[in-house]
PDB file of N, CA and C in Angstrom:
ATOM      1  N   MET A   1     127.651  17.458  92.067  1.00  0.00           N
ATOM      2  CA  MET A   1     127.975  18.344  90.967  1.00  0.00           C
ATOM      3  C   MET A   1     129.378  18.009  90.464  1.00  0.00           C
ATOM      4  N   ARG A   2     129.562  18.097  89.158  1.00  0.00           N
ATOM      5  CA  ARG A   2     130.867  17.804  88.568  1.00  0.00           C
ATOM      6  C   ARG A   2     131.863  18.927  88.868  1.00  0.00           C
ATOM      7  N   THR A   3     133.112  18.567  88.919  1.00  0.00           N
ATOM      8  CA  THR A   3     134.158  19.574  89.135  1.00  0.00           C
ATOM      9  C   THR A   3     134.422  20.321  87.828  1.00  0.00           C
ATOM     10  N   ASP A   4     135.069  21.481  87.945  1.00  0.00           N
ATOM     11  CA  ASP A   4     135.435  22.248  86.749  1.00  0.00           C
ATOM     12  C   ASP A   4     136.332  21.426  85.828  1.00  0.00           C
ATOM     13  N   THR A   5     137.257  20.692  86.416  1.00  0.00           N
ATOM     14  CA  THR A   5     138.172  19.868  85.625  1.00  0.00           C
ATOM     15  C   THR A   5     137.412  18.819  84.825  1.00  0.00           C
ATOM     16  N   LEU A   6     136.460  18.164  85.458  1.00  0.00           N
ATOM     17  CA  LEU A   6     135.677  17.142  84.770  1.00  0.00           C
ATOM     18  C   LEU A   6     134.815  17.752  83.666  1.00  0.00           C
ATOM     19  N   ILE A   7     134.247  18.920  83.926  1.00  0.00           N
ATOM     20  CA  ILE A   7     133.442  19.599  82.903  1.00  0.00           C
ATOM     21  C   ILE A   7     134.307  19.965  81.708  1.00  0.00           C
ATOM     22  N   ARG A   8     135.510  20.493  81.953  1.00  0.00           N
ATOM     23  CA  ARG A   8     136.418  20.814  80.848  1.00  0.00           C
ATOM     24  C   ARG A   8     136.784  19.560  80.068  1.00  0.00           C
ATOM     25  N   PHE A   9     137.083  18.477  80.781  1.00  0.00           N
ATOM     26  CA  PHE A   9     137.451  17.221  80.135  1.00  0.00           C
ATOM     27  C   PHE A   9     136.308  16.705  79.261  1.00  0.00           C
ATOM     28  N   GLU A  10     135.101  16.677  79.809  1.00  0.00           N
ATOM     29  CA  GLU A  10     133.942  16.186  79.064  1.00  0.00           C
ATOM     30  C   GLU A  10     133.624  17.101  77.882  1.00  0.00           C
ATOM     31  N   GLY A  11     133.785  18.402  78.070  1.00  0.00           N
ATOM     32  CA  GLY A  11     133.546  19.347  76.976  1.00  0.00           C
ATOM     33  C   GLY A  11     134.515  19.139  75.828  1.00  0.00           C
ATOM     34  N   MET A  12     135.792  18.964  76.148  1.00  0.00           N
ATOM     35  CA  MET A  12     136.788  18.710  75.104  1.00  0.00           C
ATOM     36  C   MET A  12     136.520  17.377  74.419  1.00  0.00           C
ATOM     37  N   LYS A  13     136.116  16.398  75.185  1.00  0.00           N
ATOM     38  CA  LYS A  13     135.792  15.085  74.607  1.00  0.00           C
ATOM     39  C   LYS A  13     134.626  15.227  73.623  1.00  0.00           C
ATOM     40  N   ALA A  14     133.604  15.974  74.014  1.00  0.00           N
ATOM     41  CA  ALA A  14     132.451  16.182  73.134  1.00  0.00           C
ATOM     42  C   ALA A  14     132.862  16.912  71.853  1.00  0.00           C
ATOM     43  N   LEU A  15     133.704  17.924  71.994  1.00  0.00           N
ATOM     44  CA  LEU A  15     134.174  18.638  70.811  1.00  0.00           C
ATOM     45  C   LEU A  15     134.963  17.716  69.889  1.00  0.00           C
ATOM     46  N   ARG A  16     135.843  16.904  70.452  1.00  0.00           N
ATOM     47  CA  ARG A  16     136.678  16.013  69.642  1.00  0.00           C
ATOM     48  C   ARG A  16     135.862  14.927  68.952  1.00  0.00           C
ATOM     49  N   GLU A  17     134.719  14.578  69.508  1.00  0.00           N
ATOM     50  CA  GLU A  17     133.865  13.580  68.869  1.00  0.00           C
ATOM     51  C   GLU A  17     133.189  14.136  67.619  1.00  0.00           C
ATOM     52  N   ARG A  18     133.039  15.458  67.548  1.00  0.00           N
ATOM     53  CA  ARG A  18     132.335  16.071  66.418  1.00  0.00           C
ATOM     54  C   ARG A  18     133.240  16.859  65.480  1.00  0.00           C
ATOM     55  N   LEU A  19     134.385  17.313  65.965  1.00  0.00           N
ATOM     56  CA  LEU A  19     135.278  18.171  65.182  1.00  0.00           C
ATOM     57  C   LEU A  19     136.677  17.573  65.146  1.00  0.00           C
ATOM     58  N   ASP A  20     137.442  17.905  64.099  1.00  0.00           N
ATOM     59  CA  ASP A  20     138.843  17.488  64.129  1.00  0.00           C
ATOM     60  C   ASP A  20     139.627  18.474  64.995  1.00  0.00           C
ATOM     61  N   ILE A  21     140.885  18.177  65.277  1.00  0.00           N
ATOM     62  CA  ILE A  21     141.658  18.972  66.242  1.00  0.00           C
ATOM     63  C   ILE A  21     141.789  20.428  65.817  1.00  0.00           C
ATOM     64  N   VAL A  22     141.936  20.684  64.528  1.00  0.00           N
ATOM     65  CA  VAL A  22     142.050  22.066  64.045  1.00  0.00           C
ATOM     66  C   VAL A  22     140.736  22.814  64.279  1.00  0.00           C
ATOM     67  N   GLU A  23     139.619  22.159  64.024  1.00  0.00           N
ATOM     68  CA  GLU A  23     138.321  22.782  64.250  1.00  0.00           C
ATOM     69  C   GLU A  23     138.065  23.028  65.734  1.00  0.00           C
ATOM     70  N   VAL A  24     138.529  22.132  66.589  1.00  0.00           N
ATOM     71  CA  VAL A  24     138.408  22.342  68.038  1.00  0.00           C
ATOM     72  C   VAL A  24     139.160  23.604  68.439  1.00  0.00           C
ATOM     73  N   GLU A  25     140.396  23.733  67.969  1.00  0.00           N
ATOM     74  CA  GLU A  25     141.203  24.919  68.281  1.00  0.00           C
ATOM     75  C   GLU A  25     140.528  26.182  67.754  1.00  0.00           C
ATOM     76  N   LYS A  26     139.978  26.110  66.545  1.00  0.00           N
ATOM     77  CA  LYS A  26     139.307  27.269  65.967  1.00  0.00           C
ATOM     78  C   LYS A  26     138.072  27.633  66.788  1.00  0.00           C
ATOM     79  N   PHE A  27     137.291  26.633  67.193  1.00  0.00           N
ATOM     80  CA  PHE A  27     136.105  26.877  68.007  1.00  0.00           C
ATOM     81  C   PHE A  27     136.483  27.574  69.314  1.00  0.00           C
ATOM     82  N   ILE A  28     137.512  27.077  69.976  1.00  0.00           N
ATOM     83  CA  ILE A  28     137.945  27.676  71.243  1.00  0.00           C
ATOM     84  C   ILE A  28     138.383  29.116  71.030  1.00  0.00           C
ATOM     85  N   SER A  29     139.159  29.377  69.967  1.00  0.00           N
ATOM     86  CA  SER A  29     139.613  30.749  69.722  1.00  0.00           C
ATOM     87  C   SER A  29     138.442  31.671  69.388  1.00  0.00           C
ATOM     88  N   LEU A  30     137.425  31.152  68.688  1.00  0.00           N
ATOM     89  CA  LEU A  30     136.239  31.967  68.398  1.00  0.00           C
ATOM     90  C   LEU A  30     135.491  32.333  69.675  1.00  0.00           C
ATOM     91  N   ILE A  31     135.351  31.379  70.567  1.00  0.00           N
ATOM     92  CA  ILE A  31     134.651  31.629  71.834  1.00  0.00           C
ATOM     93  C   ILE A  31     135.406  32.655  72.678  1.00  0.00           C
ATOM     94  N   ILE A  32     136.716  32.551  72.706  1.00  0.00           N
ATOM     95  CA  ILE A  32     137.530  33.472  73.496  1.00  0.00           C
ATOM     96  C   ILE A  32     137.500  34.873  72.880  1.00  0.00           C
ATOM     97  N   ARG A  33     137.561  34.941  71.561  1.00  0.00           N
ATOM     98  CA  ARG A  33     137.678  36.213  70.851  1.00  0.00           C
ATOM     99  C   ARG A  33     136.378  37.003  70.843  1.00  0.00           C
ATOM    100  N   GLU A  34     135.259  36.329  70.672  1.00  0.00           N
ATOM    101  CA  GLU A  34     133.981  37.010  70.514  1.00  0.00           C
ATOM    102  C   GLU A  34     133.178  36.971  71.808  1.00  0.00           C
ATOM    103  N   PRO A  35     132.615  38.118  72.195  1.00  0.00           N
ATOM    104  CA  PRO A  35     131.744  38.093  73.374  1.00  0.00           C
ATOM    105  C   PRO A  35     130.539  37.192  73.088  1.00  0.00           C
ATOM    106  N   PHE A  36     130.155  36.409  74.054  1.00  0.00           N
ATOM    107  CA  PHE A  36     129.106  35.413  73.833  1.00  0.00           C
ATOM    108  C   PHE A  36     128.210  35.358  75.056  1.00  0.00           C
ATOM    109  N   ASP A  37     126.958  35.666  74.882  1.00  0.00           N
ATOM    110  CA  ASP A  37     125.982  35.603  75.966  1.00  0.00           C
ATOM    111  C   ASP A  37     125.105  34.373  75.743  1.00  0.00           C
ATOM    112  N   TYR A  38     125.378  33.321  76.485  1.00  0.00           N
ATOM    113  CA  TYR A  38     124.677  32.051  76.310  1.00  0.00           C
ATOM    114  C   TYR A  38     123.174  32.213  76.504  1.00  0.00           C
ATOM    115  N   THR A  39     122.758  32.993  77.480  1.00  0.00           N
ATOM    116  CA  THR A  39     121.334  33.177  77.755  1.00  0.00           C
ATOM    117  C   THR A  39     120.638  33.839  76.572  1.00  0.00           C
ATOM    118  N   GLU A  40     121.254  34.874  76.030  1.00  0.00           N
ATOM    119  CA  GLU A  40     120.676  35.554  74.869  1.00  0.00           C
ATOM    120  C   GLU A  40     120.625  34.613  73.659  1.00  0.00           C
ATOM    121  N   TRP A  41     121.689  33.858  73.454  1.00  0.00           N
ATOM    122  CA  TRP A  41     121.747  32.898  72.349  1.00  0.00           C
ATOM    123  C   TRP A  41     120.626  31.870  72.463  1.00  0.00           C
ATOM    124  N   GLN A  42     120.391  31.343  73.654  1.00  0.00           N
ATOM    125  CA  GLN A  42     119.336  30.350  73.863  1.00  0.00           C
ATOM    126  C   GLN A  42     117.958  30.929  73.564  1.00  0.00           C
ATOM    127  N   GLN A  43     117.752  32.189  73.938  1.00  0.00           N
ATOM    128  CA  GLN A  43     116.454  32.817  73.679  1.00  0.00           C
ATOM    129  C   GLN A  43     116.195  32.928  72.180  1.00  0.00           C
ATOM    130  N   ASP A  44     117.224  33.268  71.415  1.00  0.00           N
ATOM    131  CA  ASP A  44     117.073  33.395  69.965  1.00  0.00           C
ATOM    132  C   ASP A  44     117.017  32.046  69.272  1.00  0.00           C
ATOM    133  N   LEU A  45     117.670  31.054  69.832  1.00  0.00           N
ATOM    134  CA  LEU A  45     117.775  29.747  69.197  1.00  0.00           C
ATOM    135  C   LEU A  45     116.409  29.103  68.967  1.00  0.00           C
ATOM    136  N   TRP A  46     115.524  29.213  69.923  1.00  0.00           N
ATOM    137  CA  TRP A  46     114.234  28.517  69.847  1.00  0.00           C
ATOM    138  C   TRP A  46     113.049  29.457  69.675  1.00  0.00           C
ATOM    139  N   LYS A  47     113.263  30.699  69.258  1.00  0.00           N
ATOM    140  CA  LYS A  47     112.166  31.680  69.239  1.00  0.00           C
ATOM    141  C   LYS A  47     111.023  31.307  68.292  1.00  0.00           C
ATOM    142  N   ASP A  48     111.307  30.529  67.237  1.00  0.00           N
ATOM    143  CA  ASP A  48     110.257  30.156  66.295  1.00  0.00           C
ATOM    144  C   ASP A  48     109.709  28.751  66.534  1.00  0.00           C
ATOM    145  N   LYS A  49     110.034  28.156  67.681  1.00  0.00           N
ATOM    146  CA  LYS A  49     109.604  26.792  67.992  1.00  0.00           C
ATOM    147  C   LYS A  49     108.747  26.794  69.240  1.00  0.00           C
ATOM    148  N   ASN A  50     107.744  25.909  69.260  1.00  0.00           N
ATOM    149  CA  ASN A  50     106.979  25.742  70.484  1.00  0.00           C
ATOM    150  C   ASN A  50     107.520  24.523  71.241  1.00  0.00           C
ATOM    151  N   LEU A  51     107.003  24.282  72.408  1.00  0.00           N
ATOM    152  CA  LEU A  51     107.503  23.208  73.255  1.00  0.00           C
ATOM    153  C   LEU A  51     107.382  21.840  72.579  1.00  0.00           C
ATOM    154  N   ASP A  52     106.286  21.599  71.885  1.00  0.00           N
ATOM    155  CA  ASP A  52     106.107  20.312  71.195  1.00  0.00           C
ATOM    156  C   ASP A  52     107.153  20.110  70.098  1.00  0.00           C
ATOM    157  N   ASP A  53     107.471  21.174  69.349  1.00  0.00           N
ATOM    158  CA  ASP A  53     108.498  21.080  68.302  1.00  0.00           C
ATOM    159  C   ASP A  53     109.859  20.711  68.899  1.00  0.00           C
ATOM    160  N   ILE A  54     110.204  21.375  69.988  1.00  0.00           N
ATOM    161  CA  ILE A  54     111.497  21.119  70.645  1.00  0.00           C
ATOM    162  C   ILE A  54     111.532  19.700  71.196  1.00  0.00           C
ATOM    163  N   PHE A  55     110.443  19.273  71.824  1.00  0.00           N
ATOM    164  CA  PHE A  55     110.381  17.922  72.376  1.00  0.00           C
ATOM    165  C   PHE A  55     110.517  16.873  71.280  1.00  0.00           C
ATOM    166  N   ASP A  56     109.802  17.070  70.171  1.00  0.00           N
ATOM    167  CA  ASP A  56     109.874  16.118  69.059  1.00  0.00           C
ATOM    168  C   ASP A  56     111.283  16.049  68.475  1.00  0.00           C
ATOM    169  N   ALA A  57     111.931  17.203  68.334  1.00  0.00           N
ATOM    170  CA  ALA A  57     113.301  17.226  67.815  1.00  0.00           C
ATOM    171  C   ALA A  57     114.261  16.518  68.770  1.00  0.00           C
ATOM    172  N   ALA A  58     114.091  16.731  70.065  1.00  0.00           N
ATOM    173  CA  ALA A  58     114.947  16.071  71.058  1.00  0.00           C
ATOM    174  C   ALA A  58     114.727  14.566  71.046  1.00  0.00           C
ATOM    175  N   LYS A  59     113.485  14.155  70.928  1.00  0.00           N
ATOM    176  CA  LYS A  59     113.162  12.730  70.886  1.00  0.00           C
ATOM    177  C   LYS A  59     113.770  12.083  69.636  1.00  0.00           C
ATOM    178  N   LYS A  60     113.656  12.753  68.511  1.00  0.00           N
ATOM    179  CA  LYS A  60     114.219  12.243  67.261  1.00  0.00           C
ATOM    180  C   LYS A  60     115.740  12.137  67.362  1.00  0.00           C
ATOM    181  N   TYR A  61     116.369  13.173  67.895  1.00  0.00           N
ATOM    182  CA  TYR A  61     117.824  13.166  68.048  1.00  0.00           C
ATOM    183  C   TYR A  61     118.253  12.038  68.991  1.00  0.00           C
ATOM    184  N   SER A  62     117.532  11.894  70.088  1.00  0.00           N
ATOM    185  CA  SER A  62     117.865  10.851  71.071  1.00  0.00           C
ATOM    186  C   SER A  62     117.793   9.457  70.467  1.00  0.00           C
ATOM    187  N   SER A  63     116.826   9.243  69.584  1.00  0.00           N
ATOM    188  CA  SER A  63     116.680   7.906  68.989  1.00  0.00           C
ATOM    189  C   SER A  63     117.833   7.583  68.046  1.00  0.00           C
ATOM    190  N   THR A  64     118.543   8.599  67.550  1.00  0.00           N
ATOM    191  CA  THR A  64     119.691   8.341  66.655  1.00  0.00           C
ATOM    192  C   THR A  64     120.972   8.088  67.437  1.00  0.00           C
ATOM    193  N   GLN A  65     120.958   8.300  68.747  1.00  0.00           N
ATOM    194  CA  GLN A  65     122.169   8.176  69.564  1.00  0.00           C
ATOM    195  C   GLN A  65     122.354   6.791  70.157  1.00  0.00           C
ATOM    196  N   ASP A  66     121.442   5.879  69.920  1.00  0.00           N
ATOM    197  CA  ASP A  66     121.539   4.528  70.496  1.00  0.00           C
ATOM    198  C   ASP A  66     122.445   3.626  69.706  1.00  0.00           C
TER     199      ASP A  66
END
Protein backbone atom coordinates (compact mmCIF):
# COMPACT_ATOMS: atom_id res chain seq x y z
CA MET A 1 0.00 0.00 0.00
CA ARG A 2 1.23 3.51 -0.78
CA THR A 3 2.13 5.87 2.03
CA ASP A 4 0.11 9.01 2.75
CA THR A 5 3.02 11.11 1.52
CA LEU A 6 3.17 9.27 -1.80
CA ILE A 7 -0.61 9.54 -2.25
CA ARG A 8 -0.46 13.30 -1.62
CA PHE A 9 2.46 13.64 -4.04
CA GLU A 10 0.71 11.64 -6.78
CA GLY A 11 -2.55 13.52 -6.20
CA MET A 12 -0.85 16.90 -6.56
CA LYS A 13 0.95 15.66 -9.66
CA ALA A 14 -2.36 14.56 -11.18
CA LEU A 15 -3.94 17.92 -10.40
CA ARG A 16 -1.01 19.83 -11.90
CA GLU A 17 -1.24 17.78 -15.10
CA ARG A 18 -4.83 18.95 -15.63
CA LEU A 19 -5.03 22.35 -13.90
CA ASP A 20 -2.80 25.40 -13.65
CA ILE A 21 -1.40 26.32 -10.21
CA VAL A 22 -4.19 28.81 -9.44
CA GLU A 23 -6.84 26.23 -10.29
CA VAL A 24 -5.08 23.65 -8.10
CA GLU A 25 -5.16 26.07 -5.16
CA LYS A 26 -8.82 26.85 -5.84
CA PHE A 27 -9.70 23.14 -6.03
CA ILE A 28 -7.98 22.46 -2.70
CA SER A 29 -9.74 25.39 -1.01
CA LEU A 30 -13.11 24.20 -2.38
CA ILE A 31 -12.55 20.71 -1.00
CA ILE A 32 -11.53 22.06 2.40
CA ARG A 33 -14.37 24.60 2.56
CA GLU A 34 -17.27 22.42 1.43
CA PRO A 35 -18.32 19.19 3.12
CA PHE A 36 -17.81 16.39 0.62
CA ASP A 37 -19.03 12.81 0.91
CA TYR A 38 -17.14 10.80 -1.71
CA THR A 39 -19.41 7.76 -1.34
CA GLU A 40 -22.56 9.80 -1.89
CA TRP A 41 -20.96 11.60 -4.85
CA GLN A 42 -20.02 8.28 -6.48
CA GLN A 43 -23.56 6.97 -6.10
CA ASP A 44 -24.98 10.03 -7.87
CA LEU A 45 -22.24 10.16 -10.50
CA TRP A 46 -23.23 6.94 -12.26
CA LYS A 47 -26.95 6.66 -11.38
CA ASP A 48 -28.08 6.92 -15.02
CA LYS A 49 -25.45 4.52 -16.39
CA ASN A 50 -25.35 0.75 -16.50
CA LEU A 51 -22.20 -1.35 -16.18
CA ASP A 52 -21.73 -1.65 -19.95
CA ASP A 53 -21.92 2.15 -20.38
CA ILE A 54 -19.29 2.70 -17.68
CA PHE A 55 -17.04 -0.01 -19.10
CA ASP A 56 -17.28 1.42 -22.63
CA ALA A 57 -16.49 4.92 -21.37
CA ALA A 58 -13.49 3.63 -19.40
CA LYS A 59 -12.23 1.69 -22.40
CA LYS A 60 -12.59 4.74 -24.65
CA TYR A 61 -10.81 6.97 -22.13
CA SER A 62 -8.02 4.41 -21.69
CA SER A 63 -7.39 4.26 -25.43
CA THR A 64 -6.77 8.05 -25.48
CA GLN A 65 -4.10 7.80 -22.75
CA ASP A 66 -1.53 5.85 -24.80
